[in-house]
Amino acid sequence: MTETEYQISYQVACYPYETTPMHCWTLTVDGEIASRLWVDMTTGEIMNVETEPAHQRNGYASALYRQAASEMPIYHAPATHRSYAGSRFAESVGGESLPCLHGCAACADDEDDE
């Protein structure tokens, strides 16, 4: 089995249908976008990780995380703000999470439990 070669690039871009610029790392395979990692420019919070279905389960999102984390501090969203897939990603790659910055009731309940 041969290992697929890929390229990772960085740019500042707006997430589709949004107007706020974000850090964006893009992984391409044979010139095709396979995965993207979006990070808030102020907080360093991971806002989204997307991998095209044909490229899932190849470690591309993890490769983007490692590259981004090597360039700047990045953080997972608080556990109460994550989707199921986001929680699995955070558990898989490790790293720190931000505390809730929004004063959510669910987050306050989690802090009371500690």
N, C-alpha and C. Protein backbone atom coordinates (compact mmCIF):
# COMPACT_ATOMS: atom_id res chain seq x y z
N MET A 1 0.84 -1.18 0.00
CA MET A 1 0.00 0.00 0.00
C MET A 1 0.89 1.25 0.00
N THR A 2 0.60 2.19 -0.87
CA THR A 2 1.39 3.41 -0.93
C THR A 2 0.74 4.48 -0.08
N GLU A 3 1.58 5.33 0.50
CA GLU A 3 1.09 6.42 1.33
C GLU A 3 0.71 7.59 0.42
N THR A 4 -0.48 8.16 0.66
CA THR A 4 -0.93 9.29 -0.13
C THR A 4 -0.18 10.55 0.28
N GLU A 5 0.29 11.29 -0.70
CA GLU A 5 0.96 12.55 -0.43
C GLU A 5 -0.07 13.67 -0.40
N TYR A 6 0.14 14.59 0.53
CA TYR A 6 -0.77 15.72 0.62
C TYR A 6 0.02 16.98 0.91
N GLN A 7 -0.65 18.10 0.70
CA GLN A 7 -0.08 19.42 0.97
C GLN A 7 -0.98 20.14 1.96
N ILE A 8 -0.37 20.88 2.91
CA ILE A 8 -1.14 21.70 3.83
C ILE A 8 -0.75 23.15 3.59
N SER A 9 -1.76 23.99 3.43
CA SER A 9 -1.52 25.41 3.25
C SER A 9 -2.33 26.21 4.28
N TYR A 10 -1.90 27.44 4.49
CA TYR A 10 -2.56 28.32 5.45
C TYR A 10 -2.99 29.59 4.74
N GLN A 11 -4.13 30.10 5.16
CA GLN A 11 -4.57 31.41 4.70
C GLN A 11 -5.53 32.01 5.71
N VAL A 12 -5.76 33.29 5.60
CA VAL A 12 -6.83 33.94 6.35
C VAL A 12 -8.00 34.02 5.38
N ALA A 13 -9.15 33.50 5.79
CA ALA A 13 -10.31 33.44 4.91
C ALA A 13 -11.59 33.51 5.75
N CYS A 14 -12.67 33.80 5.08
CA CYS A 14 -13.98 33.79 5.74
C CYS A 14 -14.63 32.42 5.51
N TYR A 15 -15.18 31.87 6.57
CA TYR A 15 -15.94 30.62 6.45
C TYR A 15 -17.10 30.89 5.49
N PRO A 16 -17.50 29.91 4.68
CA PRO A 16 -18.60 30.14 3.73
C PRO A 16 -19.83 30.77 4.40
N TYR A 17 -20.35 31.78 3.77
CA TYR A 17 -21.54 32.52 4.19
C TYR A 17 -21.32 33.33 5.46
N GLU A 18 -20.07 33.52 5.87
CA GLU A 18 -19.74 34.34 7.03
C GLU A 18 -18.89 35.52 6.56
N THR A 19 -18.74 36.53 7.42
CA THR A 19 -17.96 37.71 7.05
C THR A 19 -16.76 37.94 7.94
N THR A 20 -16.60 37.12 8.98
CA THR A 20 -15.48 37.29 9.90
C THR A 20 -14.29 36.45 9.43
N PRO A 21 -13.15 37.07 9.20
CA PRO A 21 -11.96 36.30 8.79
C PRO A 21 -11.52 35.33 9.88
N MET A 22 -11.03 34.19 9.47
CA MET A 22 -10.51 33.16 10.38
C MET A 22 -9.20 32.63 9.83
N HIS A 23 -8.42 32.00 10.74
CA HIS A 23 -7.27 31.21 10.31
C HIS A 23 -7.87 29.97 9.62
N CYS A 24 -7.29 29.59 8.50
CA CYS A 24 -7.79 28.40 7.80
C CYS A 24 -6.61 27.61 7.26
N TRP A 25 -6.52 26.35 7.70
CA TRP A 25 -5.54 25.42 7.15
C TRP A 25 -6.29 24.48 6.22
N THR A 26 -5.73 24.25 5.04
CA THR A 26 -6.37 23.41 4.03
C THR A 26 -5.42 22.29 3.64
N LEU A 27 -5.93 21.08 3.62
CA LEU A 27 -5.14 19.93 3.18
C LEU A 27 -5.67 19.50 1.82
N THR A 28 -4.77 19.43 0.85
CA THR A 28 -5.15 18.99 -0.48
C THR A 28 -4.45 17.70 -0.85
N VAL A 29 -5.14 16.88 -1.60
CA VAL A 29 -4.62 15.62 -2.13
C VAL A 29 -4.80 15.68 -3.64
N ASP A 30 -3.72 15.58 -4.37
CA ASP A 30 -3.77 15.66 -5.84
C ASP A 30 -4.51 16.91 -6.31
N GLY A 31 -4.27 18.04 -5.62
CA GLY A 31 -4.87 19.30 -6.01
C GLY A 31 -6.32 19.48 -5.58
N GLU A 32 -6.90 18.49 -4.93
CA GLU A 32 -8.30 18.53 -4.49
C GLU A 32 -8.36 18.79 -2.99
N ILE A 33 -9.24 19.69 -2.55
CA ILE A 33 -9.38 19.95 -1.12
C ILE A 33 -9.98 18.72 -0.46
N ALA A 34 -9.25 18.20 0.53
CA ALA A 34 -9.71 17.02 1.26
C ALA A 34 -10.23 17.40 2.65
N SER A 35 -9.61 18.41 3.28
CA SER A 35 -9.98 18.74 4.66
C SER A 35 -9.60 20.19 4.95
N ARG A 36 -10.39 20.82 5.85
CA ARG A 36 -10.09 22.19 6.29
C ARG A 36 -10.28 22.29 7.80
N LEU A 37 -9.47 23.14 8.40
CA LEU A 37 -9.56 23.44 9.83
C LEU A 37 -9.68 24.96 9.96
N TRP A 38 -10.76 25.42 10.62
CA TRP A 38 -11.04 26.84 10.81
C TRP A 38 -10.84 27.20 12.27
N VAL A 39 -10.09 28.30 12.52
CA VAL A 39 -9.76 28.72 13.89
C VAL A 39 -10.05 30.22 14.05
N ASP A 40 -10.73 30.56 15.16
CA ASP A 40 -11.03 31.96 15.47
C ASP A 40 -9.74 32.74 15.64
N MET A 41 -9.68 33.92 15.02
CA MET A 41 -8.45 34.71 15.04
C MET A 41 -8.20 35.39 16.39
N THR A 42 -9.23 35.56 17.20
CA THR A 42 -9.07 36.23 18.49
C THR A 42 -8.79 35.24 19.62
N THR A 43 -9.59 34.18 19.70
CA THR A 43 -9.50 33.26 20.83
C THR A 43 -8.64 32.03 20.57
N GLY A 44 -8.41 31.70 19.29
CA GLY A 44 -7.69 30.48 18.96
C GLY A 44 -8.58 29.24 19.03
N GLU A 45 -9.89 29.45 19.19
CA GLU A 45 -10.83 28.32 19.29
C GLU A 45 -11.05 27.69 17.92
N ILE A 46 -11.01 26.37 17.88
CA ILE A 46 -11.32 25.64 16.65
C ILE A 46 -12.82 25.83 16.40
N MET A 47 -13.15 26.40 15.26
CA MET A 47 -14.54 26.67 14.94
C MET A 47 -15.17 25.54 14.12
N ASN A 48 -14.36 24.89 13.30
CA ASN A 48 -14.89 23.80 12.50
C ASN A 48 -13.73 23.01 11.89
N VAL A 49 -13.95 21.73 11.73
CA VAL A 49 -13.04 20.85 11.00
C VAL A 49 -13.92 20.08 10.03
N GLU A 50 -13.57 20.14 8.77
CA GLU A 50 -14.38 19.46 7.75
C GLU A 50 -13.48 18.59 6.89
N THR A 51 -13.90 17.36 6.68
CA THR A 51 -13.18 16.48 5.77
C THR A 51 -14.20 15.90 4.79
N GLU A 52 -13.88 16.01 3.52
CA GLU A 52 -14.78 15.49 2.49
C GLU A 52 -14.99 13.99 2.71
N PRO A 53 -16.23 13.50 2.51
CA PRO A 53 -16.53 12.09 2.77
C PRO A 53 -15.56 11.10 2.12
N ALA A 54 -15.13 11.36 0.92
CA ALA A 54 -14.22 10.43 0.23
C ALA A 54 -12.85 10.37 0.88
N HIS A 55 -12.54 11.35 1.74
CA HIS A 55 -11.21 11.43 2.36
C HIS A 55 -11.24 11.17 3.87
N GLN A 56 -12.40 10.84 4.40
CA GLN A 56 -12.48 10.62 5.84
C GLN A 56 -11.77 9.33 6.24
N ARG A 57 -11.34 9.30 7.51
CA ARG A 57 -10.66 8.15 8.12
C ARG A 57 -9.24 7.96 7.58
N ASN A 58 -8.65 9.04 7.05
CA ASN A 58 -7.27 9.00 6.57
C ASN A 58 -6.32 9.78 7.46
N GLY A 59 -6.82 10.38 8.55
CA GLY A 59 -5.99 11.15 9.45
C GLY A 59 -5.73 12.57 9.00
N TYR A 60 -6.47 13.06 8.01
CA TYR A 60 -6.21 14.38 7.47
C TYR A 60 -6.58 15.48 8.47
N ALA A 61 -7.70 15.37 9.15
CA ALA A 61 -8.08 16.38 10.15
C ALA A 61 -7.05 16.42 11.27
N SER A 62 -6.56 15.27 11.67
CA SER A 62 -5.51 15.22 12.71
C SER A 62 -4.23 15.88 12.21
N ALA A 63 -3.88 15.66 10.95
CA ALA A 63 -2.69 16.29 10.38
C ALA A 63 -2.84 17.82 10.37
N LEU A 64 -4.04 18.30 10.05
CA LEU A 64 -4.28 19.74 10.09
C LEU A 64 -4.15 20.29 11.50
N TYR A 65 -4.70 19.55 12.47
CA TYR A 65 -4.60 19.98 13.86
C TYR A 65 -3.13 20.09 14.28
N ARG A 66 -2.36 19.07 13.99
CA ARG A 66 -0.94 19.09 14.37
C ARG A 66 -0.21 20.25 13.72
N GLN A 67 -0.49 20.51 12.44
CA GLN A 67 0.16 21.62 11.75
C GLN A 67 -0.24 22.95 12.38
N ALA A 68 -1.52 23.16 12.58
CA ALA A 68 -2.00 24.42 13.17
C ALA A 68 -1.41 24.62 14.56
N ALA A 69 -1.43 23.57 15.38
CA ALA A 69 -0.93 23.67 16.75
C ALA A 69 0.58 23.92 16.78
N SER A 70 1.28 23.54 15.73
CA SER A 70 2.72 23.81 15.67
C SER A 70 3.00 25.27 15.32
N GLU A 71 2.00 25.95 14.78
CA GLU A 71 2.17 27.34 14.34
C GLU A 71 1.63 28.36 15.33
N MET A 72 0.66 27.96 16.15
CA MET A 72 0.04 28.90 17.09
C MET A 72 -0.75 28.13 18.14
N PRO A 73 -1.06 28.76 19.27
CA PRO A 73 -1.91 28.08 20.25
C PRO A 73 -3.34 27.97 19.71
N ILE A 74 -3.87 26.76 19.69
CA ILE A 74 -5.26 26.57 19.30
C ILE A 74 -5.95 25.74 20.37
N TYR A 75 -7.27 25.90 20.46
CA TYR A 75 -8.03 25.28 21.55
C TYR A 75 -9.33 24.68 21.02
N HIS A 76 -9.73 23.61 21.66
CA HIS A 76 -11.03 23.03 21.38
C HIS A 76 -12.10 23.87 22.07
N ALA A 77 -13.30 23.80 21.57
CA ALA A 77 -14.44 24.46 22.21
C ALA A 77 -14.69 23.78 23.55
N PRO A 78 -15.35 24.48 24.49
CA PRO A 78 -15.73 23.81 25.74
C PRO A 78 -16.57 22.57 25.42
N ALA A 79 -16.46 21.55 26.22
CA ALA A 79 -17.15 20.28 25.96
C ALA A 79 -18.65 20.47 25.74
N THR A 80 -19.28 21.38 26.48
CA THR A 80 -20.72 21.58 26.35
C THR A 80 -21.10 22.27 25.05
N HIS A 81 -20.14 22.79 24.31
CA HIS A 81 -20.41 23.47 23.04
C HIS A 81 -20.11 22.60 21.83
N ARG A 82 -19.58 21.42 22.05
CA ARG A 82 -19.15 20.56 20.93
C ARG A 82 -20.26 19.64 20.46
N SER A 83 -20.17 19.32 19.18
CA SER A 83 -21.00 18.25 18.64
C SER A 83 -20.39 16.91 19.06
N TYR A 84 -21.10 15.84 18.81
CA TYR A 84 -20.55 14.51 19.10
C TYR A 84 -19.25 14.31 18.33
N ALA A 85 -19.25 14.67 17.04
CA ALA A 85 -18.05 14.52 16.22
C ALA A 85 -16.92 15.42 16.74
N GLY A 86 -17.27 16.63 17.20
CA GLY A 86 -16.26 17.53 17.75
C GLY A 86 -15.62 16.97 19.00
N SER A 87 -16.42 16.33 19.83
CA SER A 87 -15.88 15.72 21.05
C SER A 87 -14.96 14.56 20.71
N ARG A 88 -15.35 13.75 19.73
CA ARG A 88 -14.50 12.63 19.31
C ARG A 88 -13.18 13.14 18.75
N PHE A 89 -13.25 14.22 17.97
CA PHE A 89 -12.03 14.81 17.41
C PHE A 89 -11.12 15.31 18.52
N ALA A 90 -11.68 16.03 19.48
CA ALA A 90 -10.88 16.57 20.60
C ALA A 90 -10.23 15.44 21.39
N GLU A 91 -10.97 14.37 21.63
CA GLU A 91 -10.42 13.22 22.36
C GLU A 91 -9.31 12.56 21.55
N SER A 92 -9.48 12.50 20.25
CA SER A 92 -8.52 11.83 19.38
C SER A 92 -7.19 12.57 19.29
N VAL A 93 -7.25 13.89 19.09
CA VAL A 93 -6.01 14.64 18.89
C VAL A 93 -5.42 15.21 20.18
N GLY A 94 -6.23 15.26 21.24
CA GLY A 94 -5.76 15.85 22.49
C GLY A 94 -5.71 17.36 22.40
N GLY A 95 -5.05 17.96 23.35
CA GLY A 95 -4.94 19.42 23.36
C GLY A 95 -5.89 20.04 24.37
N GLU A 96 -5.73 21.34 24.55
CA GLU A 96 -6.49 22.06 25.55
C GLU A 96 -7.82 22.56 24.99
N SER A 97 -8.76 22.78 25.92
CA SER A 97 -10.05 23.36 25.59
C SER A 97 -10.17 24.72 26.25
N LEU A 98 -10.92 25.58 25.62
CA LEU A 98 -11.20 26.88 26.22
C LEU A 98 -12.28 26.73 27.28
N PRO A 99 -12.28 27.60 28.29
CA PRO A 99 -13.43 27.66 29.18
C PRO A 99 -14.56 28.35 28.40
N CYS A 100 -15.77 28.23 28.89
CA CYS A 100 -16.88 28.90 28.23
C CYS A 100 -16.67 30.41 28.33
N LEU A 101 -16.76 31.08 27.21
CA LEU A 101 -16.58 32.53 27.16
C LEU A 101 -17.91 33.26 27.01
N HIS A 102 -19.02 32.48 27.06
CA HIS A 102 -20.33 33.04 26.74
C HIS A 102 -21.28 33.10 27.93
N GLY A 103 -20.89 32.57 29.09
CA GLY A 103 -21.77 32.60 30.26
C GLY A 103 -23.00 31.72 30.12
N CYS A 104 -22.88 30.61 29.42
CA CYS A 104 -24.02 29.71 29.19
C CYS A 104 -24.44 29.01 30.48
N ALA A 105 -25.73 28.80 30.63
CA ALA A 105 -26.25 28.11 31.82
C ALA A 105 -25.69 26.69 31.91
N ALA A 106 -25.62 25.98 30.78
CA ALA A 106 -25.11 24.61 30.79
C ALA A 106 -23.66 24.57 31.25
N CYS A 107 -22.88 25.56 30.85
CA CYS A 107 -21.48 25.60 31.26
C CYS A 107 -21.37 25.94 32.75
N ALA A 108 -22.21 26.81 33.24
CA ALA A 108 -22.20 27.16 34.66
C ALA A 108 -22.56 25.94 35.50
N ASP A 109 -23.50 25.13 35.01
CA ASP A 109 -23.88 23.90 35.71
C ASP A 109 -22.70 22.95 35.78
N ASP A 110 -21.91 22.84 34.69
CA ASP A 110 -20.72 21.97 34.68
C ASP A 110 -19.69 22.44 35.68
N GLU A 111 -19.51 23.76 35.81
CA GLU A 111 -18.53 24.29 36.76
C GLU A 111 -18.97 24.02 38.19
N ASP A 112 -20.29 24.04 38.44
CA ASP A 112 -20.81 23.78 39.79
C ASP A 112 -20.57 22.34 40.20
N ASP A 113 -20.51 21.43 39.22
CA ASP A 113 -20.32 20.00 39.50
C ASP A 113 -18.89 19.68 39.91
N GLU A 114 -17.94 20.55 39.61
CA GLU A 114 -16.53 20.26 39.88
C GLU A 114 -16.17 20.41 41.32
